[in-house]
Amino acid sequence: MVFNPDFLSSDTDNAQANPLLKYLQHQSPEVLARVAKSVSPEIKQIISHNVQGLVGMLPGEHFNVQITTDRENLAGLLASAMMTGYFLRQMEQRMQLEESLLSSMSLKHEPDSDR
């Protein structure tokens, strides 16, 4: 996953009203790139499938597909993909935490072999 930090410098009026955008503008490109690269392949696959479902997907070998939209609709699509990504990452972390807790609980309930 690639993050383009250049978009952060474009809309200064929105930055004043949006504390998250202001926070992002103060992050280094390295931090933003590291966060973007931390997305698992499973999350990338789900987001890709979701975006394809939103814009429609026809097989490229049989159709010459072109999609036209305006700036607001494209921004909405990107916002939806980002929100989906954040949600999926949180759910992935929750799943990993639950698996870890279940694993540690099962280790506690195993009888000691030293007794």
PDB file of N, CA and C in Angstrom:
ATOM      1  N   MET A   1       0.857  -1.161   0.000  1.00  0.00           N
ATOM      2  CA  MET A   1       0.000   0.000   0.000  1.00  0.00           C
ATOM      3  C   MET A   1       0.906   1.227   0.000  1.00  0.00           C
ATOM      4  N   VAL A   2       0.568   2.201  -0.825  1.00  0.00           N
ATOM      5  CA  VAL A   2       1.379   3.398  -0.976  1.00  0.00           C
ATOM      6  C   VAL A   2       0.596   4.583  -0.439  1.00  0.00           C
ATOM      7  N   PHE A   3       1.303   5.476   0.218  1.00  0.00           N
ATOM      8  CA  PHE A   3       0.681   6.690   0.742  1.00  0.00           C
ATOM      9  C   PHE A   3       1.337   7.880   0.077  1.00  0.00           C
ATOM     10  N   ASN A   4       0.538   8.792  -0.441  1.00  0.00           N
ATOM     11  CA  ASN A   4       1.053   9.982  -1.105  1.00  0.00           C
ATOM     12  C   ASN A   4       0.935  11.168  -0.154  1.00  0.00           C
ATOM     13  N   PRO A   5       2.027  11.565   0.504  1.00  0.00           N
ATOM     14  CA  PRO A   5       1.956  12.673   1.456  1.00  0.00           C
ATOM     15  C   PRO A   5       1.714  14.027   0.803  1.00  0.00           C
ATOM     16  N   ASP A   6       1.833  14.143  -0.527  1.00  0.00           N
ATOM     17  CA  ASP A   6       1.629  15.421  -1.207  1.00  0.00           C
ATOM     18  C   ASP A   6       0.202  15.925  -1.073  1.00  0.00           C
ATOM     19  N   PHE A   7      -0.762  15.002  -0.916  1.00  0.00           N
ATOM     20  CA  PHE A   7      -2.144  15.460  -0.815  1.00  0.00           C
ATOM     21  C   PHE A   7      -2.369  16.256   0.466  1.00  0.00           C
ATOM     22  N   LEU A   8      -1.506  16.091   1.458  1.00  0.00           N
ATOM     23  CA  LEU A   8      -1.673  16.784   2.738  1.00  0.00           C
ATOM     24  C   LEU A   8      -1.407  18.274   2.622  1.00  0.00           C
ATOM     25  N   SER A   9      -0.641  18.680   1.639  1.00  0.00           N
ATOM     26  CA  SER A   9      -0.278  20.093   1.529  1.00  0.00           C
ATOM     27  C   SER A   9      -1.224  20.873   0.628  1.00  0.00           C
ATOM     28  N   SER A  10      -2.219  20.221   0.042  1.00  0.00           N
ATOM     29  CA  SER A  10      -3.025  20.898  -0.968  1.00  0.00           C
ATOM     30  C   SER A  10      -4.143  21.775  -0.410  1.00  0.00           C
ATOM     31  N   ASP A  11      -4.902  21.324   0.568  1.00  0.00           N
ATOM     32  CA  ASP A  11      -6.101  22.053   0.991  1.00  0.00           C
ATOM     33  C   ASP A  11      -5.905  22.638   2.391  1.00  0.00           C
ATOM     34  N   THR A  12      -5.341  23.829   2.465  1.00  0.00           N
ATOM     35  CA  THR A  12      -5.028  24.426   3.765  1.00  0.00           C
ATOM     36  C   THR A  12      -6.271  24.890   4.505  1.00  0.00           C
ATOM     37  N   ASP A  13      -7.349  25.242   3.797  1.00  0.00           N
ATOM     38  CA  ASP A  13      -8.591  25.644   4.472  1.00  0.00           C
ATOM     39  C   ASP A  13      -9.181  24.470   5.251  1.00  0.00           C
ATOM     40  N   ASN A  14      -9.178  23.284   4.649  1.00  0.00           N
ATOM     41  CA  ASN A  14      -9.684  22.095   5.333  1.00  0.00           C
ATOM     42  C   ASN A  14      -8.809  21.724   6.524  1.00  0.00           C
ATOM     43  N   ALA A  15      -7.518  21.987   6.425  1.00  0.00           N
ATOM     44  CA  ALA A  15      -6.602  21.636   7.513  1.00  0.00           C
ATOM     45  C   ALA A  15      -6.932  22.404   8.786  1.00  0.00           C
ATOM     46  N   GLN A  16      -7.383  23.633   8.629  1.00  0.00           N
ATOM     47  CA  GLN A  16      -7.731  24.428   9.800  1.00  0.00           C
ATOM     48  C   GLN A  16      -8.950  23.849  10.518  1.00  0.00           C
ATOM     49  N   ALA A  17      -9.896  23.308   9.756  1.00  0.00           N
ATOM     50  CA  ALA A  17     -11.130  22.777  10.330  1.00  0.00           C
ATOM     51  C   ALA A  17     -11.021  21.303  10.710  1.00  0.00           C
ATOM     52  N   ASN A  18     -10.001  20.613  10.221  1.00  0.00           N
ATOM     53  CA  ASN A  18      -9.887  19.177  10.432  1.00  0.00           C
ATOM     54  C   ASN A  18      -8.635  18.861  11.250  1.00  0.00           C
ATOM     55  N   PRO A  19      -8.801  18.521  12.537  1.00  0.00           N
ATOM     56  CA  PRO A  19      -7.625  18.262  13.375  1.00  0.00           C
ATOM     57  C   PRO A  19      -6.816  17.043  12.924  1.00  0.00           C
ATOM     58  N   LEU A  20      -7.475  16.039  12.339  1.00  0.00           N
ATOM     59  CA  LEU A  20      -6.737  14.868  11.863  1.00  0.00           C
ATOM     60  C   LEU A  20      -5.832  15.246  10.697  1.00  0.00           C
ATOM     61  N   LEU A  21      -6.346  16.054   9.776  1.00  0.00           N
ATOM     62  CA  LEU A  21      -5.530  16.493   8.647  1.00  0.00           C
ATOM     63  C   LEU A  21      -4.348  17.316   9.142  1.00  0.00           C
ATOM     64  N   LYS A  22      -4.581  18.167  10.132  1.00  0.00           N
ATOM     65  CA  LYS A  22      -3.493  18.962  10.712  1.00  0.00           C
ATOM     66  C   LYS A  22      -2.437  18.053  11.345  1.00  0.00           C
ATOM     67  N   TYR A  23      -2.890  17.019  12.060  1.00  0.00           N
ATOM     68  CA  TYR A  23      -1.978  16.041  12.671  1.00  0.00           C
ATOM     69  C   TYR A  23      -1.158  15.325  11.595  1.00  0.00           C
ATOM     70  N   LEU A  24      -1.827  14.893  10.528  1.00  0.00           N
ATOM     71  CA  LEU A  24      -1.133  14.191   9.445  1.00  0.00           C
ATOM     72  C   LEU A  24      -0.084  15.075   8.778  1.00  0.00           C
ATOM     73  N   GLN A  25      -0.381  16.371   8.654  1.00  0.00           N
ATOM     74  CA  GLN A  25       0.569  17.285   8.030  1.00  0.00           C
ATOM     75  C   GLN A  25       1.854  17.415   8.847  1.00  0.00           C
ATOM     76  N   HIS A  26       1.784  17.132  10.143  1.00  0.00           N
ATOM     77  CA  HIS A  26       2.956  17.247  10.997  1.00  0.00           C
ATOM     78  C   HIS A  26       3.741  15.938  11.115  1.00  0.00           C
ATOM     79  N   GLN A  27       3.291  14.893  10.436  1.00  0.00           N
ATOM     80  CA  GLN A  27       3.994  13.614  10.461  1.00  0.00           C
ATOM     81  C   GLN A  27       5.044  13.588   9.355  1.00  0.00           C
ATOM     82  N   SER A  28       6.123  12.888   9.608  1.00  0.00           N
ATOM     83  CA  SER A  28       7.154  12.774   8.577  1.00  0.00           C
ATOM     84  C   SER A  28       6.693  11.796   7.496  1.00  0.00           C
ATOM     85  N   PRO A  29       7.176  11.962   6.273  1.00  0.00           N
ATOM     86  CA  PRO A  29       6.817  11.022   5.200  1.00  0.00           C
ATOM     87  C   PRO A  29       7.200   9.581   5.538  1.00  0.00           C
ATOM     88  N   GLU A  30       8.284   9.409   6.301  1.00  0.00           N
ATOM     89  CA  GLU A  30       8.716   8.062   6.675  1.00  0.00           C
ATOM     90  C   GLU A  30       7.682   7.382   7.576  1.00  0.00           C
ATOM     91  N   VAL A  31       7.133   8.134   8.527  1.00  0.00           N
ATOM     92  CA  VAL A  31       6.111   7.577   9.433  1.00  0.00           C
ATOM     93  C   VAL A  31       4.878   7.192   8.634  1.00  0.00           C
ATOM     94  N   LEU A  32       4.433   8.066   7.744  1.00  0.00           N
ATOM     95  CA  LEU A  32       3.246   7.788   6.941  1.00  0.00           C
ATOM     96  C   LEU A  32       3.468   6.577   6.036  1.00  0.00           C
ATOM     97  N   ALA A  33       4.649   6.476   5.444  1.00  0.00           N
ATOM     98  CA  ALA A  33       4.953   5.338   4.577  1.00  0.00           C
ATOM     99  C   ALA A  33       4.990   4.039   5.377  1.00  0.00           C
ATOM    100  N   ARG A  34       5.561   4.076   6.577  1.00  0.00           N
ATOM    101  CA  ARG A  34       5.640   2.874   7.416  1.00  0.00           C
ATOM    102  C   ARG A  34       4.242   2.393   7.810  1.00  0.00           C
ATOM    103  N   VAL A  35       3.369   3.314   8.159  1.00  0.00           N
ATOM    104  CA  VAL A  35       1.998   2.937   8.523  1.00  0.00           C
ATOM    105  C   VAL A  35       1.288   2.343   7.309  1.00  0.00           C
ATOM    106  N   ALA A  36       1.454   2.966   6.149  1.00  0.00           N
ATOM    107  CA  ALA A  36       0.798   2.467   4.935  1.00  0.00           C
ATOM    108  C   ALA A  36       1.296   1.082   4.558  1.00  0.00           C
ATOM    109  N   LYS A  37       2.580   0.810   4.781  1.00  0.00           N
ATOM    110  CA  LYS A  37       3.151  -0.497   4.419  1.00  0.00           C
ATOM    111  C   LYS A  37       2.768  -1.590   5.407  1.00  0.00           C
ATOM    112  N   SER A  38       2.216  -1.227   6.558  1.00  0.00           N
ATOM    113  CA  SER A  38       1.909  -2.233   7.576  1.00  0.00           C
ATOM    114  C   SER A  38       0.612  -2.993   7.300  1.00  0.00           C
ATOM    115  N   VAL A  39      -0.071  -2.654   6.230  1.00  0.00           N
ATOM    116  CA  VAL A  39      -1.335  -3.308   5.903  1.00  0.00           C
ATOM    117  C   VAL A  39      -1.067  -4.729   5.413  1.00  0.00           C
ATOM    118  N   SER A  40      -1.822  -5.674   5.956  1.00  0.00           N
ATOM    119  CA  SER A  40      -1.635  -7.075   5.578  1.00  0.00           C
ATOM    120  C   SER A  40      -2.194  -7.348   4.183  1.00  0.00           C
ATOM    121  N   PRO A  41      -1.711  -8.402   3.529  1.00  0.00           N
ATOM    122  CA  PRO A  41      -2.250  -8.769   2.208  1.00  0.00           C
ATOM    123  C   PRO A  41      -3.748  -9.079   2.257  1.00  0.00           C
ATOM    124  N   GLU A  42      -4.213  -9.621   3.376  1.00  0.00           N
ATOM    125  CA  GLU A  42      -5.635  -9.935   3.502  1.00  0.00           C
ATOM    126  C   GLU A  42      -6.481  -8.664   3.464  1.00  0.00           C
ATOM    127  N   ILE A  43      -6.022  -7.624   4.155  1.00  0.00           N
ATOM    128  CA  ILE A  43      -6.755  -6.355   4.154  1.00  0.00           C
ATOM    129  C   ILE A  43      -6.724  -5.736   2.753  1.00  0.00           C
ATOM    130  N   LYS A  44      -5.576  -5.772   2.098  1.00  0.00           N
ATOM    131  CA  LYS A  44      -5.479  -5.239   0.737  1.00  0.00           C
ATOM    132  C   LYS A  44      -6.464  -5.946  -0.187  1.00  0.00           C
ATOM    133  N   GLN A  45      -6.581  -7.253  -0.039  1.00  0.00           N
ATOM    134  CA  GLN A  45      -7.484  -8.032  -0.880  1.00  0.00           C
ATOM    135  C   GLN A  45      -8.943  -7.632  -0.639  1.00  0.00           C
ATOM    136  N   ILE A  46      -9.328  -7.483   0.624  1.00  0.00           N
ATOM    137  CA  ILE A  46     -10.710  -7.115   0.948  1.00  0.00           C
ATOM    138  C   ILE A  46     -11.030  -5.710   0.432  1.00  0.00           C
ATOM    139  N   ILE A  47     -10.105  -4.763   0.615  1.00  0.00           N
ATOM    140  CA  ILE A  47     -10.338  -3.395   0.139  1.00  0.00           C
ATOM    141  C   ILE A  47     -10.440  -3.386  -1.385  1.00  0.00           C
ATOM    142  N   SER A  48      -9.568  -4.120  -2.051  1.00  0.00           N
ATOM    143  CA  SER A  48      -9.616  -4.194  -3.506  1.00  0.00           C
ATOM    144  C   SER A  48     -10.954  -4.739  -3.975  1.00  0.00           C
ATOM    145  N   HIS A  49     -11.409  -5.804  -3.346  1.00  0.00           N
ATOM    146  CA  HIS A  49     -12.698  -6.396  -3.696  1.00  0.00           C
ATOM    147  C   HIS A  49     -13.840  -5.406  -3.440  1.00  0.00           C
ATOM    148  N   ASN A  50     -13.766  -4.686  -2.334  1.00  0.00           N
ATOM    149  CA  ASN A  50     -14.792  -3.706  -1.990  1.00  0.00           C
ATOM    150  C   ASN A  50     -14.846  -2.574  -3.017  1.00  0.00           C
ATOM    151  N   VAL A  51     -13.689  -2.025  -3.374  1.00  0.00           N
ATOM    152  CA  VAL A  51     -13.649  -0.922  -4.344  1.00  0.00           C
ATOM    153  C   VAL A  51     -14.136  -1.412  -5.705  1.00  0.00           C
ATOM    154  N   GLN A  52     -13.722  -2.616  -6.097  1.00  0.00           N
ATOM    155  CA  GLN A  52     -14.186  -3.155  -7.369  1.00  0.00           C
ATOM    156  C   GLN A  52     -15.708  -3.309  -7.363  1.00  0.00           C
ATOM    157  N   GLY A  53     -16.258  -3.723  -6.232  1.00  0.00           N
ATOM    158  CA  GLY A  53     -17.700  -3.842  -6.122  1.00  0.00           C
ATOM    159  C   GLY A  53     -18.401  -2.498  -6.196  1.00  0.00           C
ATOM    160  N   LEU A  54     -17.767  -1.457  -5.638  1.00  0.00           N
ATOM    161  CA  LEU A  54     -18.364  -0.121  -5.660  1.00  0.00           C
ATOM    162  C   LEU A  54     -18.387   0.475  -7.065  1.00  0.00           C
ATOM    163  N   VAL A  55     -17.329   0.275  -7.838  1.00  0.00           N
ATOM    164  CA  VAL A  55     -17.263   0.875  -9.168  1.00  0.00           C
ATOM    165  C   VAL A  55     -17.726  -0.081 -10.256  1.00  0.00           C
ATOM    166  N   GLY A  56     -17.954  -1.317  -9.898  1.00  0.00           N
ATOM    167  CA  GLY A  56     -18.363  -2.309 -10.882  1.00  0.00           C
ATOM    168  C   GLY A  56     -17.149  -2.955 -11.499  1.00  0.00           C
ATOM    169  N   MET A  57     -17.288  -4.235 -11.740  1.00  0.00           N
ATOM    170  CA  MET A  57     -16.125  -4.943 -12.281  1.00  0.00           C
ATOM    171  C   MET A  57     -16.551  -5.808 -13.442  1.00  0.00           C
ATOM    172  N   LEU A  58     -16.024  -5.499 -14.590  1.00  0.00           N
ATOM    173  CA  LEU A  58     -16.215  -6.319 -15.764  1.00  0.00           C
ATOM    174  C   LEU A  58     -14.864  -6.867 -16.175  1.00  0.00           C
ATOM    175  N   PRO A  59     -14.819  -8.081 -16.689  1.00  0.00           N
ATOM    176  CA  PRO A  59     -13.520  -8.633 -17.085  1.00  0.00           C
ATOM    177  C   PRO A  59     -12.866  -7.803 -18.183  1.00  0.00           C
ATOM    178  N   GLY A  60     -11.634  -7.388 -17.928  1.00  0.00           N
ATOM    179  CA  GLY A  60     -10.913  -6.519 -18.855  1.00  0.00           C
ATOM    180  C   GLY A  60     -10.639  -7.140 -20.203  1.00  0.00           C
ATOM    181  N   GLU A  61     -10.560  -8.477 -20.261  1.00  0.00           N
ATOM    182  CA  GLU A  61     -10.258  -9.114 -21.544  1.00  0.00           C
ATOM    183  C   GLU A  61     -11.442  -9.065 -22.518  1.00  0.00           C
ATOM    184  N   HIS A  62     -12.661  -8.802 -22.010  1.00  0.00           N
ATOM    185  CA  HIS A  62     -13.841  -8.761 -22.873  1.00  0.00           C
ATOM    186  C   HIS A  62     -14.434  -7.363 -23.014  1.00  0.00           C
ATOM    187  N   PHE A  63     -14.020  -6.444 -22.150  1.00  0.00           N
ATOM    188  CA  PHE A  63     -14.607  -5.114 -22.151  1.00  0.00           C
ATOM    189  C   PHE A  63     -13.508  -4.064 -22.035  1.00  0.00           C
ATOM    190  N   ASN A  64     -13.740  -2.930 -22.667  1.00  0.00           N
ATOM    191  CA  ASN A  64     -12.867  -1.786 -22.506  1.00  0.00           C
ATOM    192  C   ASN A  64     -13.565  -0.843 -21.524  1.00  0.00           C
ATOM    193  N   VAL A  65     -13.279  -1.028 -20.240  1.00  0.00           N
ATOM    194  CA  VAL A  65     -13.999  -0.321 -19.191  1.00  0.00           C
ATOM    195  C   VAL A  65     -13.323   1.017 -18.905  1.00  0.00           C
ATOM    196  N   GLN A  66     -14.132   2.073 -18.900  1.00  0.00           N
ATOM    197  CA  GLN A  66     -13.666   3.390 -18.499  1.00  0.00           C
ATOM    198  C   GLN A  66     -14.660   3.936 -17.489  1.00  0.00           C
ATOM    199  N   ILE A  67     -14.139   4.489 -16.411  1.00  0.00           N
ATOM    200  CA  ILE A  67     -14.989   5.047 -15.367  1.00  0.00           C
ATOM    201  C   ILE A  67     -14.726   6.533 -15.291  1.00  0.00           C
ATOM    202  N   THR A  68     -15.800   7.301 -15.307  1.00  0.00           N
ATOM    203  CA  THR A  68     -15.699   8.749 -15.214  1.00  0.00           C
ATOM    204  C   THR A  68     -16.470   9.201 -13.976  1.00  0.00           C
ATOM    205  N   THR A  69     -15.865  10.099 -13.217  1.00  0.00           N
ATOM    206  CA  THR A  69     -16.533  10.622 -12.036  1.00  0.00           C
ATOM    207  C   THR A  69     -16.057  12.044 -11.788  1.00  0.00           C
ATOM    208  N   ASP A  70     -16.649  12.682 -10.804  1.00  0.00           N
ATOM    209  CA  ASP A  70     -16.187  14.014 -10.436  1.00  0.00           C
ATOM    210  C   ASP A  70     -15.353  13.927  -9.159  1.00  0.00           C
ATOM    211  N   ARG A  71     -14.798  15.026  -8.788  1.00  0.00           N
ATOM    212  CA  ARG A  71     -13.883  15.085  -7.652  1.00  0.00           C
ATOM    213  C   ARG A  71     -14.557  14.642  -6.347  1.00  0.00           C
ATOM    214  N   GLU A  72     -15.789  15.076  -6.120  1.00  0.00           N
ATOM    215  CA  GLU A  72     -16.491  14.752  -4.878  1.00  0.00           C
ATOM    216  C   GLU A  72     -16.779  13.259  -4.765  1.00  0.00           C
ATOM    217  N   ASN A  73     -17.232  12.644  -5.858  1.00  0.00           N
ATOM    218  CA  ASN A  73     -17.516  11.214  -5.820  1.00  0.00           C
ATOM    219  C   ASN A  73     -16.240  10.382  -5.653  1.00  0.00           C
ATOM    220  N   LEU A  74     -15.169  10.813  -6.297  1.00  0.00           N
ATOM    221  CA  LEU A  74     -13.901  10.106  -6.137  1.00  0.00           C
ATOM    222  C   LEU A  74     -13.396  10.234  -4.706  1.00  0.00           C
ATOM    223  N   ALA A  75     -13.544  11.412  -4.131  1.00  0.00           N
ATOM    224  CA  ALA A  75     -13.141  11.611  -2.736  1.00  0.00           C
ATOM    225  C   ALA A  75     -13.967  10.716  -1.816  1.00  0.00           C
ATOM    226  N   GLY A  76     -15.261  10.596  -2.099  1.00  0.00           N
ATOM    227  CA  GLY A  76     -16.109   9.710  -1.304  1.00  0.00           C
ATOM    228  C   GLY A  76     -15.688   8.260  -1.425  1.00  0.00           C
ATOM    229  N   LEU A  77     -15.324   7.835  -2.633  1.00  0.00           N
ATOM    230  CA  LEU A  77     -14.861   6.466  -2.848  1.00  0.00           C
ATOM    231  C   LEU A  77     -13.568   6.203  -2.082  1.00  0.00           C
ATOM    232  N   LEU A  78     -12.638   7.141  -2.150  1.00  0.00           N
ATOM    233  CA  LEU A  78     -11.377   6.981  -1.432  1.00  0.00           C
ATOM    234  C   LEU A  78     -11.589   6.996   0.073  1.00  0.00           C
ATOM    235  N   ALA A  79     -12.472   7.863   0.549  1.00  0.00           N
ATOM    236  CA  ALA A  79     -12.777   7.900   1.983  1.00  0.00           C
ATOM    237  C   ALA A  79     -13.390   6.580   2.428  1.00  0.00           C
ATOM    238  N   SER A  80     -14.267   6.022   1.620  1.00  0.00           N
ATOM    239  CA  SER A  80     -14.877   4.736   1.938  1.00  0.00           C
ATOM    240  C   SER A  80     -13.821   3.636   2.012  1.00  0.00           C
ATOM    241  N   ALA A  81     -12.902   3.628   1.058  1.00  0.00           N
ATOM    242  CA  ALA A  81     -11.837   2.622   1.058  1.00  0.00           C
ATOM    243  C   ALA A  81     -10.941   2.780   2.285  1.00  0.00           C
ATOM    244  N   MET A  82     -10.644   4.023   2.651  1.00  0.00           N
ATOM    245  CA  MET A  82      -9.806   4.258   3.828  1.00  0.00           C
ATOM    246  C   MET A  82     -10.512   3.815   5.104  1.00  0.00           C
ATOM    247  N   MET A  83     -11.788   4.151   5.230  1.00  0.00           N
ATOM    248  CA  MET A  83     -12.543   3.759   6.428  1.00  0.00           C
ATOM    249  C   MET A  83     -12.633   2.240   6.516  1.00  0.00           C
ATOM    250  N   THR A  84     -12.839   1.602   5.377  1.00  0.00           N
ATOM    251  CA  THR A  84     -12.862   0.142   5.353  1.00  0.00           C
ATOM    252  C   THR A  84     -11.524  -0.416   5.808  1.00  0.00           C
ATOM    253  N   GLY A  85     -10.449   0.192   5.349  1.00  0.00           N
ATOM    254  CA  GLY A  85      -9.119  -0.264   5.744  1.00  0.00           C
ATOM    255  C   GLY A  85      -8.874  -0.123   7.237  1.00  0.00           C
ATOM    256  N   TYR A  86      -9.251   1.014   7.801  1.00  0.00           N
ATOM    257  CA  TYR A  86      -9.076   1.211   9.238  1.00  0.00           C
ATOM    258  C   TYR A  86      -9.917   0.223  10.033  1.00  0.00           C
ATOM    259  N   PHE A  87     -11.161   0.027   9.603  1.00  0.00           N
ATOM    260  CA  PHE A  87     -12.037  -0.929  10.278  1.00  0.00           C
ATOM    261  C   PHE A  87     -11.453  -2.339  10.207  1.00  0.00           C
ATOM    262  N   LEU A  88     -11.011  -2.731   9.020  1.00  0.00           N
ATOM    263  CA  LEU A  88     -10.460  -4.078   8.867  1.00  0.00           C
ATOM    264  C   LEU A  88      -9.195  -4.265   9.693  1.00  0.00           C
ATOM    265  N   ARG A  89      -8.356  -3.243   9.753  1.00  0.00           N
ATOM    266  CA  ARG A  89      -7.133  -3.352  10.553  1.00  0.00           C
ATOM    267  C   ARG A  89      -7.476  -3.515  12.030  1.00  0.00           C
ATOM    268  N   GLN A  90      -8.467  -2.770  12.502  1.00  0.00           N
ATOM    269  CA  GLN A  90      -8.876  -2.917  13.903  1.00  0.00           C
ATOM    270  C   GLN A  90      -9.427  -4.313  14.163  1.00  0.00           C
ATOM    271  N   MET A  91     -10.211  -4.830  13.230  1.00  0.00           N
ATOM    272  CA  MET A  91     -10.766  -6.168  13.400  1.00  0.00           C
ATOM    273  C   MET A  91      -9.661  -7.228  13.330  1.00  0.00           C
ATOM    274  N   GLU A  92      -8.675  -7.010  12.484  1.00  0.00           N
ATOM    275  CA  GLU A  92      -7.551  -7.936  12.395  1.00  0.00           C
ATOM    276  C   GLU A  92      -6.776  -7.955  13.714  1.00  0.00           C
ATOM    277  N   GLN A  93      -6.549  -6.777  14.290  1.00  0.00           N
ATOM    278  CA  GLN A  93      -5.862  -6.703  15.574  1.00  0.00           C
ATOM    279  C   GLN A  93      -6.681  -7.372  16.672  1.00  0.00           C
ATOM    280  N   ARG A  94      -7.995  -7.175  16.643  1.00  0.00           N
ATOM    281  CA  ARG A  94      -8.871  -7.814  17.626  1.00  0.00           C
ATOM    282  C   ARG A  94      -8.790  -9.339  17.503  1.00  0.00           C
ATOM    283  N   MET A  95      -8.825  -9.838  16.270  1.00  0.00           N
ATOM    284  CA  MET A  95      -8.723 -11.269  16.032  1.00  0.00           C
ATOM    285  C   MET A  95      -7.400 -11.819  16.576  1.00  0.00           C
ATOM    286  N   GLN A  96      -6.306 -11.107  16.303  1.00  0.00           N
ATOM    287  CA  GLN A  96      -4.999 -11.543  16.791  1.00  0.00           C
ATOM    288  C   GLN A  96      -4.943 -11.531  18.313  1.00  0.00           C
ATOM    289  N   LEU A  97      -5.545 -10.515  18.927  1.00  0.00           N
ATOM    290  CA  LEU A  97      -5.583 -10.436  20.384  1.00  0.00           C
ATOM    291  C   LEU A  97      -6.399 -11.587  20.968  1.00  0.00           C
ATOM    292  N   GLU A  98      -7.571 -11.859  20.383  1.00  0.00           N
ATOM    293  CA  GLU A  98      -8.394 -12.965  20.858  1.00  0.00           C
ATOM    294  C   GLU A  98      -7.659 -14.303  20.726  1.00  0.00           C
ATOM    295  N   GLU A  99      -6.989 -14.502  19.593  1.00  0.00           N
ATOM    296  CA  GLU A  99      -6.226 -15.741  19.400  1.00  0.00           C
ATOM    297  C   GLU A  99      -5.116 -15.856  20.432  1.00  0.00           C
ATOM    298  N   SER A 100      -4.462 -14.752  20.713  1.00  0.00           N
ATOM    299  CA  SER A 100      -3.391 -14.750  21.704  1.00  0.00           C
ATOM    300  C   SER A 100      -3.931 -15.058  23.095  1.00  0.00           C
ATOM    301  N   LEU A 101      -5.058 -14.435  23.438  1.00  0.00           N
ATOM    302  CA  LEU A 101      -5.665 -14.684  24.748  1.00  0.00           C
ATOM    303  C   LEU A 101      -6.133 -16.126  24.876  1.00  0.00           C
ATOM    304  N   LEU A 102      -6.760 -16.662  23.850  1.00  0.00           N
ATOM    305  CA  LEU A 102      -7.214 -18.052  23.891  1.00  0.00           C
ATOM    306  C   LEU A 102      -6.034 -19.008  24.011  1.00  0.00           C
ATOM    307  N   SER A 103      -4.970 -18.690  23.315  1.00  0.00           N
ATOM    308  CA  SER A 103      -3.770 -19.522  23.381  1.00  0.00           C
ATOM    309  C   SER A 103      -3.162 -19.497  24.775  1.00  0.00           C
ATOM    310  N   SER A 104      -3.081 -18.304  25.375  1.00  0.00           N
ATOM    311  CA  SER A 104      -2.495 -18.208  26.714  1.00  0.00           C
ATOM    312  C   SER A 104      -3.404 -18.853  27.751  1.00  0.00           C
ATOM    313  N   MET A 105      -4.728 -18.782  27.551  1.00  0.00           N
ATOM    314  CA  MET A 105      -5.644 -19.425  28.484  1.00  0.00           C
ATOM    315  C   MET A 105      -5.537 -20.942  28.395  1.00  0.00           C
ATOM    316  N   SER A 106      -5.356 -21.470  27.208  1.00  0.00           N
ATOM    317  CA  SER A 106      -5.236 -22.920  27.068  1.00  0.00           C
ATOM    318  C   SER A 106      -3.923 -23.419  27.662  1.00  0.00           C
ATOM    319  N   LEU A 107      -2.883 -22.588  27.621  1.00  0.00           N
ATOM    320  CA  LEU A 107      -1.606 -22.968  28.242  1.00  0.00           C
ATOM    321  C   LEU A 107      -1.740 -23.011  29.760  1.00  0.00           C
ATOM    322  N   LYS A 108      -2.539 -22.116  30.331  1.00  0.00           N
ATOM    323  CA  LYS A 108      -2.729 -22.089  31.779  1.00  0.00           C
ATOM    324  C   LYS A 108      -3.495 -23.306  32.274  1.00  0.00           C
ATOM    325  N   HIS A 109      -4.365 -23.846  31.430  1.00  0.00           N
ATOM    326  CA  HIS A 109      -5.218 -24.959  31.844  1.00  0.00           C
ATOM    327  C   HIS A 109      -4.572 -26.322  31.571  1.00  0.00           C
ATOM    328  N   GLU A 110      -3.430 -26.340  30.922  1.00  0.00           N
ATOM    329  CA  GLU A 110      -2.744 -27.616  30.695  1.00  0.00           C
ATOM    330  C   GLU A 110      -2.072 -28.055  31.969  1.00  0.00           C
ATOM    331  N   PRO A 111      -2.166 -29.342  32.316  1.00  0.00           N
ATOM    332  CA  PRO A 111      -1.501 -29.829  33.528  1.00  0.00           C
ATOM    333  C   PRO A 111       0.014 -29.751  33.376  1.00  0.00           C
ATOM    334  N   ASP A 112       0.674 -29.415  34.481  1.00  0.00           N
ATOM    335  CA  ASP A 112       2.139 -29.353  34.475  1.00  0.00           C
ATOM    336  C   ASP A 112       2.697 -30.752  34.334  1.00  0.00           C
ATOM    337  N   SER A 113       3.641 -30.936  33.473  1.00  0.00           N
ATOM    338  CA  SER A 113       4.250 -32.240  33.288  1.00  0.00           C
ATOM    339  C   SER A 113       5.354 -32.485  34.312  1.00  0.00           C
ATOM    340  N   ASP A 114       5.737 -31.448  35.091  1.00  0.00           N
ATOM    341  CA  ASP A 114       6.802 -31.600  36.083  1.00  0.00           C
ATOM    342  C   ASP A 114       6.302 -32.200  37.376  1.00  0.00           C
ATOM    343  N   ARG A 115       5.013 -32.276  37.599  1.00  0.00           N
ATOM    344  CA  ARG A 115       4.477 -32.770  38.861  1.00  0.00           C
ATOM    345  C   ARG A 115       4.442 -34.243  38.923  1.00  0.00           C
TER     346      ARG A 115
END
